[in-house]
C-alpha cells in the first residue's frame, strides 16, 4: 500500500463485498466455488455476475459462493434463488451465459431453461 487513495480503494471494494452478502428479501445468486468449480471456470462466472449486476445497478440481488455441490461434471454452477424461495440451478456456465441469465431471468423474470440442470441431463 503506497497511499491513502489506495487504502480507500481497498475499503470500497471490501464494503461492496459486504453489501453483496446482505440477503434480506433479495434474490440470491449462489456460485459453486469448490476446487472442481474453480478449475472449471467458476471464478470468471462469479465475476461476470458481480460485474453485470453492478453495471445495471441491480442492488436487489446478492452474489455469494458455496462449496461443493456434488455435481462436478456440471461445473461451473450457480443457483438463482428468488426472495420467495424459488430456486433455478444453472450449469456449465461461462460469462456469456451469465449475461443472458441476468437479462432474461433477473430482469425479465424468465429463467433461461436451456442452461438449467434439467436440460443438461437430457
N, C-alpha and C. Protein backbone atom coordinates (compact mmCIF):
# COMPACT_ATOMS: atom_id res chain seq x y z
N UNK A 1 0.85 -1.16 0.00
CA UNK A 1 0.00 0.00 0.00
C UNK A 1 0.91 1.24 0.00
N UNK A 2 0.62 2.16 -0.92
CA UNK A 2 1.51 3.30 -1.08
C UNK A 2 0.86 4.64 -0.81
N UNK A 3 -0.49 4.65 -0.69
CA UNK A 3 -1.15 5.94 -0.49
C UNK A 3 -2.49 5.76 0.21
N UNK A 4 -3.02 6.87 0.68
CA UNK A 4 -4.36 6.84 1.29
C UNK A 4 -5.42 6.52 0.24
N UNK A 5 -5.20 6.95 -0.99
CA UNK A 5 -6.16 6.66 -2.06
C UNK A 5 -6.25 5.15 -2.30
N UNK A 6 -5.10 4.49 -2.25
CA UNK A 6 -5.08 3.04 -2.43
C UNK A 6 -5.81 2.34 -1.28
N UNK A 7 -5.61 2.84 -0.07
CA UNK A 7 -6.30 2.30 1.11
C UNK A 7 -7.82 2.52 0.97
N UNK A 8 -8.22 3.68 0.49
CA UNK A 8 -9.64 3.97 0.30
C UNK A 8 -10.25 3.03 -0.76
N UNK A 9 -9.50 2.74 -1.81
CA UNK A 9 -10.00 1.82 -2.85
C UNK A 9 -10.20 0.43 -2.28
N UNK A 10 -9.29 -0.02 -1.44
CA UNK A 10 -9.42 -1.33 -0.79
C UNK A 10 -10.64 -1.33 0.11
N UNK A 11 -10.86 -0.27 0.85
CA UNK A 11 -12.02 -0.15 1.73
C UNK A 11 -13.32 -0.22 0.93
N UNK A 12 -13.40 0.49 -0.19
CA UNK A 12 -14.60 0.49 -1.03
C UNK A 12 -14.90 -0.90 -1.57
N UNK A 13 -13.87 -1.63 -2.01
CA UNK A 13 -14.07 -3.00 -2.50
C UNK A 13 -14.59 -3.89 -1.39
N UNK A 14 -14.04 -3.74 -0.18
CA UNK A 14 -14.49 -4.55 0.95
C UNK A 14 -15.94 -4.25 1.30
N UNK A 15 -16.33 -2.99 1.27
CA UNK A 15 -17.72 -2.62 1.56
C UNK A 15 -18.67 -3.19 0.52
N UNK A 16 -18.26 -3.20 -0.75
CA UNK A 16 -19.09 -3.80 -1.79
C UNK A 16 -19.28 -5.29 -1.52
N UNK A 17 -18.22 -5.97 -1.12
CA UNK A 17 -18.32 -7.40 -0.80
C UNK A 17 -19.31 -7.63 0.34
N UNK A 18 -19.25 -6.81 1.36
CA UNK A 18 -20.16 -6.95 2.49
C UNK A 18 -21.59 -6.73 2.04
N UNK A 19 -21.82 -5.71 1.23
CA UNK A 19 -23.17 -5.42 0.74
C UNK A 19 -23.71 -6.55 -0.13
N UNK A 20 -22.83 -7.26 -0.85
CA UNK A 20 -23.27 -8.37 -1.68
C UNK A 20 -23.80 -9.52 -0.85
N UNK A 21 -23.43 -9.57 0.42
CA UNK A 21 -23.82 -10.69 1.28
C UNK A 21 -25.06 -10.41 2.12
N UNK A 22 -25.64 -9.24 2.02
CA UNK A 22 -26.86 -8.90 2.76
C UNK A 22 -28.04 -9.53 2.03
N UNK A 23 -28.68 -10.54 2.64
CA UNK A 23 -29.68 -11.34 1.93
C UNK A 23 -31.12 -11.04 2.26
N UNK A 24 -31.42 -10.03 3.03
CA UNK A 24 -32.79 -9.77 3.46
C UNK A 24 -33.69 -9.43 2.27
N UNK A 25 -34.66 -10.31 1.98
CA UNK A 25 -35.66 -10.08 0.94
C UNK A 25 -35.06 -9.75 -0.43
N UNK A 26 -33.99 -10.40 -0.77
CA UNK A 26 -33.35 -10.17 -2.06
C UNK A 26 -33.19 -11.49 -2.80
N UNK A 27 -33.09 -11.41 -4.09
CA UNK A 27 -32.73 -12.57 -4.88
C UNK A 27 -31.26 -12.86 -4.61
N UNK A 28 -30.94 -14.15 -4.51
CA UNK A 28 -29.55 -14.55 -4.27
C UNK A 28 -29.04 -15.37 -5.44
N UNK A 29 -27.79 -15.15 -5.78
CA UNK A 29 -27.08 -15.98 -6.74
C UNK A 29 -25.97 -16.66 -5.96
N UNK A 30 -25.99 -17.99 -5.95
CA UNK A 30 -25.00 -18.75 -5.19
C UNK A 30 -24.16 -19.54 -6.19
N UNK A 31 -22.89 -19.20 -6.27
CA UNK A 31 -21.97 -19.81 -7.23
C UNK A 31 -21.15 -20.89 -6.52
N UNK A 32 -21.08 -22.08 -7.12
CA UNK A 32 -20.25 -23.16 -6.58
C UNK A 32 -18.78 -22.83 -6.77
N UNK A 33 -18.06 -22.69 -5.64
CA UNK A 33 -16.66 -22.29 -5.71
C UNK A 33 -15.75 -23.31 -5.02
N UNK A 34 -16.10 -24.60 -5.10
CA UNK A 34 -15.19 -25.63 -4.62
C UNK A 34 -14.06 -25.80 -5.64
N UNK A 35 -13.12 -26.66 -5.35
CA UNK A 35 -11.99 -26.86 -6.24
C UNK A 35 -12.43 -27.21 -7.66
N UNK A 36 -13.42 -28.10 -7.78
CA UNK A 36 -13.88 -28.50 -9.11
C UNK A 36 -14.51 -27.32 -9.86
N UNK A 37 -15.28 -26.51 -9.15
CA UNK A 37 -15.90 -25.35 -9.78
C UNK A 37 -14.87 -24.34 -10.24
N UNK A 38 -13.90 -24.06 -9.38
CA UNK A 38 -12.84 -23.11 -9.73
C UNK A 38 -12.06 -23.61 -10.93
N UNK A 39 -11.72 -24.92 -10.93
CA UNK A 39 -10.97 -25.50 -12.05
C UNK A 39 -11.76 -25.42 -13.36
N UNK A 40 -13.08 -25.48 -13.26
CA UNK A 40 -13.94 -25.44 -14.45
C UNK A 40 -14.23 -24.01 -14.92
N UNK A 41 -13.87 -23.00 -14.10
CA UNK A 41 -14.09 -21.61 -14.52
C UNK A 41 -15.10 -20.84 -13.70
N UNK A 42 -15.33 -21.24 -12.45
CA UNK A 42 -16.32 -20.56 -11.62
C UNK A 42 -15.93 -19.13 -11.25
N UNK A 43 -14.65 -18.87 -11.13
CA UNK A 43 -14.23 -17.51 -10.75
C UNK A 43 -14.65 -16.48 -11.80
N UNK A 44 -14.38 -16.69 -13.09
CA UNK A 44 -14.86 -15.73 -14.10
C UNK A 44 -16.39 -15.65 -14.15
N UNK A 45 -17.07 -16.75 -13.85
CA UNK A 45 -18.54 -16.75 -13.81
C UNK A 45 -19.02 -15.86 -12.68
N UNK A 46 -18.45 -16.04 -11.50
CA UNK A 46 -18.85 -15.21 -10.36
C UNK A 46 -18.55 -13.74 -10.63
N UNK A 47 -17.37 -13.47 -11.17
CA UNK A 47 -17.01 -12.09 -11.50
C UNK A 47 -17.98 -11.50 -12.52
N UNK A 48 -18.41 -12.30 -13.49
CA UNK A 48 -19.35 -11.82 -14.51
C UNK A 48 -20.69 -11.45 -13.87
N UNK A 49 -21.16 -12.27 -12.93
CA UNK A 49 -22.41 -11.92 -12.23
C UNK A 49 -22.25 -10.58 -11.51
N UNK A 50 -21.17 -10.43 -10.75
CA UNK A 50 -20.96 -9.20 -9.98
C UNK A 50 -20.86 -8.00 -10.92
N UNK A 51 -20.09 -8.12 -11.98
CA UNK A 51 -19.90 -7.01 -12.92
C UNK A 51 -21.20 -6.64 -13.63
N UNK A 52 -21.95 -7.65 -14.07
CA UNK A 52 -23.19 -7.39 -14.79
C UNK A 52 -24.23 -6.73 -13.89
N UNK A 53 -24.34 -7.21 -12.66
CA UNK A 53 -25.28 -6.61 -11.71
C UNK A 53 -24.87 -5.18 -11.36
N UNK A 54 -23.57 -4.98 -11.20
CA UNK A 54 -23.06 -3.64 -10.89
C UNK A 54 -23.30 -2.70 -12.07
N UNK A 55 -23.05 -3.18 -13.28
CA UNK A 55 -23.25 -2.36 -14.49
C UNK A 55 -24.70 -1.91 -14.61
N UNK A 56 -25.61 -2.79 -14.24
CA UNK A 56 -27.04 -2.49 -14.35
C UNK A 56 -27.61 -1.88 -13.07
N UNK A 57 -26.73 -1.65 -12.09
CA UNK A 57 -27.11 -1.05 -10.80
C UNK A 57 -28.24 -1.80 -10.12
N UNK A 58 -28.16 -3.14 -10.17
CA UNK A 58 -29.17 -4.00 -9.54
C UNK A 58 -28.73 -4.28 -8.11
N UNK A 59 -29.36 -3.60 -7.17
CA UNK A 59 -28.98 -3.75 -5.77
C UNK A 59 -29.90 -4.70 -5.02
N UNK A 60 -30.88 -5.28 -5.70
CA UNK A 60 -31.78 -6.21 -5.04
C UNK A 60 -31.37 -7.67 -5.28
N UNK A 61 -30.13 -7.88 -5.73
CA UNK A 61 -29.59 -9.22 -5.98
C UNK A 61 -28.24 -9.32 -5.30
N UNK A 62 -28.04 -10.42 -4.54
CA UNK A 62 -26.77 -10.66 -3.86
C UNK A 62 -26.06 -11.84 -4.51
N UNK A 63 -24.75 -11.74 -4.60
CA UNK A 63 -23.94 -12.83 -5.12
C UNK A 63 -23.12 -13.39 -3.97
N UNK A 64 -23.25 -14.71 -3.76
CA UNK A 64 -22.47 -15.38 -2.72
C UNK A 64 -21.85 -16.63 -3.33
N UNK A 65 -21.08 -17.34 -2.52
CA UNK A 65 -20.47 -18.57 -3.01
C UNK A 65 -20.73 -19.70 -2.02
N UNK A 66 -20.59 -20.91 -2.53
CA UNK A 66 -20.73 -22.10 -1.69
C UNK A 66 -19.63 -23.07 -2.06
N UNK A 67 -19.51 -24.12 -1.29
CA UNK A 67 -18.52 -25.16 -1.55
C UNK A 67 -19.05 -26.16 -2.56
N UNK A 68 -18.68 -27.40 -2.36
CA UNK A 68 -19.03 -28.47 -3.30
C UNK A 68 -20.53 -28.69 -3.36
N UNK A 69 -21.04 -28.78 -4.58
CA UNK A 69 -22.46 -29.02 -4.80
C UNK A 69 -22.68 -30.51 -5.10
N UNK A 70 -21.63 -31.21 -5.49
CA UNK A 70 -21.72 -32.65 -5.72
C UNK A 70 -21.98 -33.05 -7.15
N UNK A 71 -21.90 -32.13 -8.08
CA UNK A 71 -22.12 -32.44 -9.50
C UNK A 71 -20.99 -31.83 -10.32
N UNK A 72 -19.79 -32.33 -10.08
CA UNK A 72 -18.58 -31.74 -10.68
C UNK A 72 -18.65 -31.65 -12.20
N UNK A 73 -19.27 -32.64 -12.84
CA UNK A 73 -19.32 -32.66 -14.30
C UNK A 73 -20.14 -31.51 -14.88
N UNK A 74 -20.94 -30.85 -14.03
CA UNK A 74 -21.80 -29.76 -14.49
C UNK A 74 -21.26 -28.37 -14.12
N UNK A 75 -20.08 -28.33 -13.52
CA UNK A 75 -19.49 -27.05 -13.13
C UNK A 75 -19.04 -26.27 -14.35
N UNK A 76 -18.99 -24.97 -14.23
CA UNK A 76 -19.42 -24.07 -13.17
C UNK A 76 -20.95 -24.03 -13.05
N UNK A 77 -21.40 -23.98 -11.80
CA UNK A 77 -22.83 -23.97 -11.50
C UNK A 77 -23.18 -22.75 -10.65
N UNK A 78 -24.45 -22.34 -10.76
CA UNK A 78 -24.95 -21.26 -9.91
C UNK A 78 -26.45 -21.46 -9.70
N UNK A 79 -26.90 -21.19 -8.50
CA UNK A 79 -28.32 -21.19 -8.19
C UNK A 79 -28.81 -19.76 -8.15
N UNK A 80 -29.97 -19.52 -8.75
CA UNK A 80 -30.66 -18.25 -8.59
C UNK A 80 -31.85 -18.54 -7.68
N UNK A 81 -31.86 -17.91 -6.52
CA UNK A 81 -32.91 -18.14 -5.52
C UNK A 81 -33.64 -16.82 -5.31
N UNK A 82 -34.92 -16.81 -5.68
CA UNK A 82 -35.70 -15.58 -5.55
C UNK A 82 -35.99 -15.30 -4.08
N UNK A 83 -36.46 -14.11 -3.80
CA UNK A 83 -36.84 -13.73 -2.44
C UNK A 83 -37.98 -14.62 -1.93
N UNK A 84 -38.75 -15.21 -2.85
CA UNK A 84 -39.85 -16.10 -2.48
C UNK A 84 -39.37 -17.54 -2.29
N UNK A 85 -38.09 -17.81 -2.53
CA UNK A 85 -37.53 -19.13 -2.31
C UNK A 85 -37.50 -20.04 -3.52
N UNK A 86 -37.90 -19.57 -4.69
CA UNK A 86 -37.86 -20.38 -5.91
C UNK A 86 -36.41 -20.48 -6.38
N UNK A 87 -35.96 -21.72 -6.62
CA UNK A 87 -34.56 -21.93 -6.99
C UNK A 87 -34.46 -22.48 -8.41
N UNK A 88 -33.55 -21.89 -9.18
CA UNK A 88 -33.21 -22.36 -10.52
C UNK A 88 -31.72 -22.64 -10.52
N UNK A 89 -31.33 -23.85 -10.92
CA UNK A 89 -29.92 -24.21 -10.95
C UNK A 89 -29.42 -24.18 -12.39
N UNK A 90 -28.41 -23.34 -12.62
CA UNK A 90 -27.79 -23.21 -13.93
C UNK A 90 -26.46 -23.96 -13.92
N UNK A 91 -26.14 -24.62 -15.05
CA UNK A 91 -24.94 -25.44 -15.13
C UNK A 91 -24.12 -25.12 -16.38
N UNK A 92 -22.87 -25.60 -16.36
CA UNK A 92 -21.94 -25.40 -17.49
C UNK A 92 -21.88 -23.93 -17.90
N UNK A 93 -21.73 -23.07 -16.91
CA UNK A 93 -21.79 -21.63 -17.16
C UNK A 93 -20.49 -21.06 -17.69
N UNK A 94 -20.61 -19.91 -18.32
CA UNK A 94 -19.48 -19.07 -18.73
C UNK A 94 -19.98 -17.63 -18.67
N UNK A 95 -19.08 -16.66 -18.78
CA UNK A 95 -19.51 -15.25 -18.65
C UNK A 95 -20.58 -14.82 -19.65
N UNK A 96 -20.58 -15.37 -20.86
CA UNK A 96 -21.60 -15.00 -21.84
C UNK A 96 -22.98 -15.49 -21.39
N UNK A 97 -23.04 -16.70 -20.86
CA UNK A 97 -24.30 -17.23 -20.37
C UNK A 97 -24.80 -16.41 -19.18
N UNK A 98 -23.87 -15.96 -18.35
CA UNK A 98 -24.23 -15.14 -17.19
C UNK A 98 -24.97 -13.89 -17.63
N UNK A 99 -24.46 -13.23 -18.66
CA UNK A 99 -25.09 -12.00 -19.14
C UNK A 99 -26.54 -12.28 -19.57
N UNK A 100 -26.76 -13.40 -20.25
CA UNK A 100 -28.11 -13.74 -20.69
C UNK A 100 -29.00 -14.04 -19.49
N UNK A 101 -28.46 -14.73 -18.48
CA UNK A 101 -29.23 -15.04 -17.27
C UNK A 101 -29.65 -13.76 -16.57
N UNK A 102 -28.75 -12.80 -16.47
CA UNK A 102 -29.08 -11.53 -15.80
C UNK A 102 -30.21 -10.83 -16.55
N UNK A 103 -30.11 -10.74 -17.85
CA UNK A 103 -31.15 -10.04 -18.62
C UNK A 103 -32.47 -10.81 -18.61
N UNK A 104 -32.42 -12.07 -18.99
CA UNK A 104 -33.66 -12.84 -19.15
C UNK A 104 -34.31 -13.22 -17.81
N UNK A 105 -33.52 -13.77 -16.89
CA UNK A 105 -34.10 -14.27 -15.64
C UNK A 105 -34.28 -13.15 -14.61
N UNK A 106 -33.21 -12.42 -14.33
CA UNK A 106 -33.28 -11.45 -13.24
C UNK A 106 -34.03 -10.18 -13.62
N UNK A 107 -33.91 -9.74 -14.85
CA UNK A 107 -34.60 -8.51 -15.25
C UNK A 107 -36.00 -8.82 -15.79
N UNK A 108 -36.10 -9.80 -16.71
CA UNK A 108 -37.38 -10.08 -17.37
C UNK A 108 -38.20 -11.18 -16.69
N UNK A 109 -37.63 -11.86 -15.70
CA UNK A 109 -38.37 -12.87 -14.96
C UNK A 109 -38.60 -14.18 -15.69
N UNK A 110 -37.80 -14.44 -16.72
CA UNK A 110 -37.93 -15.68 -17.49
C UNK A 110 -36.65 -16.51 -17.37
N UNK A 111 -36.68 -17.59 -16.58
CA UNK A 111 -35.47 -18.43 -16.47
C UNK A 111 -35.01 -18.90 -17.85
N UNK A 112 -33.70 -19.03 -18.00
CA UNK A 112 -33.11 -19.47 -19.26
C UNK A 112 -33.03 -21.00 -19.20
N UNK A 113 -34.10 -21.64 -19.63
CA UNK A 113 -34.28 -23.08 -19.47
C UNK A 113 -33.14 -23.89 -20.07
N UNK A 114 -32.62 -23.48 -21.21
CA UNK A 114 -31.57 -24.29 -21.87
C UNK A 114 -30.27 -24.35 -21.07
N UNK A 115 -30.10 -23.50 -20.07
CA UNK A 115 -28.90 -23.53 -19.23
C UNK A 115 -29.14 -24.24 -17.89
N UNK A 116 -30.32 -24.76 -17.66
CA UNK A 116 -30.65 -25.33 -16.36
C UNK A 116 -30.21 -26.78 -16.23
N UNK A 117 -30.17 -27.26 -15.00
CA UNK A 117 -29.70 -28.62 -14.72
C UNK A 117 -30.56 -29.66 -15.41
N UNK A 118 -31.85 -29.47 -15.50
CA UNK A 118 -32.73 -30.42 -16.16
C UNK A 118 -32.42 -30.59 -17.64
N UNK A 119 -32.10 -29.52 -18.31
CA UNK A 119 -31.78 -29.56 -19.73
C UNK A 119 -30.42 -30.20 -19.97
N UNK A 120 -29.47 -29.96 -19.07
CA UNK A 120 -28.12 -30.51 -19.23
C UNK A 120 -28.10 -32.02 -19.11
N UNK A 121 -29.07 -32.58 -18.42
CA UNK A 121 -29.11 -34.02 -18.21
C UNK A 121 -29.78 -34.79 -19.36
N UNK A 122 -30.33 -34.08 -20.33
CA UNK A 122 -31.02 -34.74 -21.46
C UNK A 122 -30.03 -35.32 -22.43
